[in-house]
Protein backbone atom coordinates (compact mmCIF):
# COMPACT_ATOMS: atom_id res chain seq x y z
CA UNK A 1 -14.97 91.49 207.04
CA UNK A 2 -16.39 90.64 203.66
CA UNK A 3 -16.18 93.45 201.14
CA UNK A 4 -16.90 93.07 197.42
CA UNK A 5 -15.72 95.36 194.61
CA UNK A 6 -15.88 95.16 190.81
CA UNK A 7 -14.24 97.01 187.92
CA UNK A 8 -15.11 96.94 184.22
CA UNK A 9 -12.60 97.57 181.41
CA UNK A 10 -14.14 99.82 178.77
CA UNK A 11 -11.52 100.48 176.07
CA UNK A 12 -12.95 102.39 173.16
CA UNK A 13 -16.26 102.82 174.98
CA UNK A 14 -17.29 99.14 174.90
CA UNK A 15 -17.10 96.74 177.89
CA UNK A 16 -14.29 94.26 177.26
CA UNK A 17 -13.76 92.59 180.62
CA UNK A 18 -14.24 92.77 184.37
CA UNK A 19 -12.67 91.73 187.65
CA UNK A 20 -14.29 91.21 191.04
CA UNK A 21 -12.55 91.18 194.41
CA UNK A 22 -13.67 89.85 197.77
CA UNK A 23 -11.81 90.94 200.88
CA UNK A 24 -12.22 87.87 203.07
CA UNK A 25 -10.33 89.32 206.03
CA UNK A 26 -7.76 91.99 206.79
CA UNK A 27 -5.16 89.44 205.68
CA UNK A 28 -6.67 87.85 202.55
CA UNK A 29 -8.21 89.23 199.39
CA UNK A 30 -9.43 87.09 196.52
CA UNK A 31 -9.75 87.83 192.85
CA UNK A 32 -13.11 86.15 192.71
CA UNK A 33 -13.71 86.46 188.97
CA UNK A 34 -11.78 87.77 185.99
CA UNK A 35 -13.14 87.68 182.47
CA UNK A 36 -12.09 89.25 179.19
CA UNK A 37 -14.19 89.02 176.03
CA UNK A 38 -12.61 86.68 173.46
CA UNK A 39 -12.19 89.47 170.91
CA UNK A 40 -10.40 91.62 173.52
CA UNK A 41 -7.97 88.95 174.77
CA UNK A 42 -4.20 89.20 174.32
CA UNK A 43 -4.30 93.00 174.55
CA UNK A 44 -3.21 93.37 178.19
CA UNK A 45 -6.73 93.98 179.51
CA UNK A 46 -6.60 91.02 181.90
CA UNK A 47 -3.26 92.19 183.31
CA UNK A 48 -4.56 95.72 183.83
CA UNK A 49 -7.64 94.36 185.61
CA UNK A 50 -5.42 92.20 187.85
CA UNK A 51 -3.23 95.22 188.61
CA UNK A 52 -6.33 97.24 189.54
CA UNK A 53 -7.53 94.48 191.86
CA UNK A 54 -4.12 94.10 193.52
CA UNK A 55 -3.73 97.87 193.94
CA UNK A 56 -7.12 97.96 195.66
CA UNK A 57 -6.15 95.10 197.99
CA UNK A 58 -2.89 96.84 198.89
CA UNK A 59 -4.74 100.09 199.59
CA UNK A 60 -6.96 98.16 202.02
CA UNK A 61 -3.93 96.70 203.82
CA UNK A 62 -4.47 93.14 202.61
CA UNK A 63 -1.35 90.99 202.92
CA UNK A 64 -2.11 88.09 200.55
CA UNK A 65 -4.00 87.85 197.28
CA UNK A 66 -5.54 84.57 196.18
CA UNK A 67 -7.41 83.30 193.15
CA UNK A 68 -8.43 80.01 191.62
CA UNK A 69 -9.08 78.66 188.15
CA UNK A 70 -9.63 75.39 186.38
CA UNK A 71 -6.83 72.97 185.56
CA UNK A 72 -8.40 71.94 182.26
CA UNK A 73 -7.13 73.01 178.81
CA UNK A 74 -9.90 75.61 178.52
CA UNK A 75 -8.37 77.56 181.42
CA UNK A 76 -4.77 77.45 180.14
CA UNK A 77 -4.85 81.11 179.04
CA UNK A 78 -6.12 82.16 182.49
CA UNK A 79 -3.38 80.19 184.24
CA UNK A 80 -0.78 81.80 181.96
CA UNK A 81 -2.11 85.28 182.76
CA UNK A 82 -2.08 84.62 186.51
CA UNK A 83 1.44 83.19 186.44
CA UNK A 84 2.69 86.19 184.43
CA UNK A 85 1.15 88.40 187.13
CA UNK A 86 3.28 86.60 189.76
CA UNK A 87 0.74 84.15 191.18
CA UNK A 88 2.05 80.70 192.08
CA UNK A 89 -0.07 77.58 191.70
CA UNK A 90 -0.21 75.19 194.62
CA UNK A 91 -0.80 71.47 194.29
CA UNK A 92 -4.33 71.07 195.53
CA UNK A 93 -7.00 68.45 195.05
CA UNK A 94 -10.71 68.99 195.57
CA UNK A 95 -12.79 65.84 195.82
CA UNK A 96 -16.43 65.75 194.81
CA UNK A 97 -19.07 63.07 194.86
CA UNK A 98 -22.31 63.38 192.98
CA UNK A 99 -25.25 62.24 195.07
């Protein structure tokens, strides 16, 4: 099972953000991407997009929602939004080697 869905926030008739979801299995759904335009941030759009994604996952019977983001300062606002939505960060290290 690998189903993709996307929603766009259009307050006032202009696109302000979007969220994409991938259902990886009947157990796991992932918020694959969430973005809100800088001028539209801090207005609850990100939270509403997250809620839409989670509602969709629940309606499909998914048991666990996952997402990932960067640990750098530029992603601090995203981490804050995800934590406010009830997501819990796990200590995880990805190793890379440039060849």
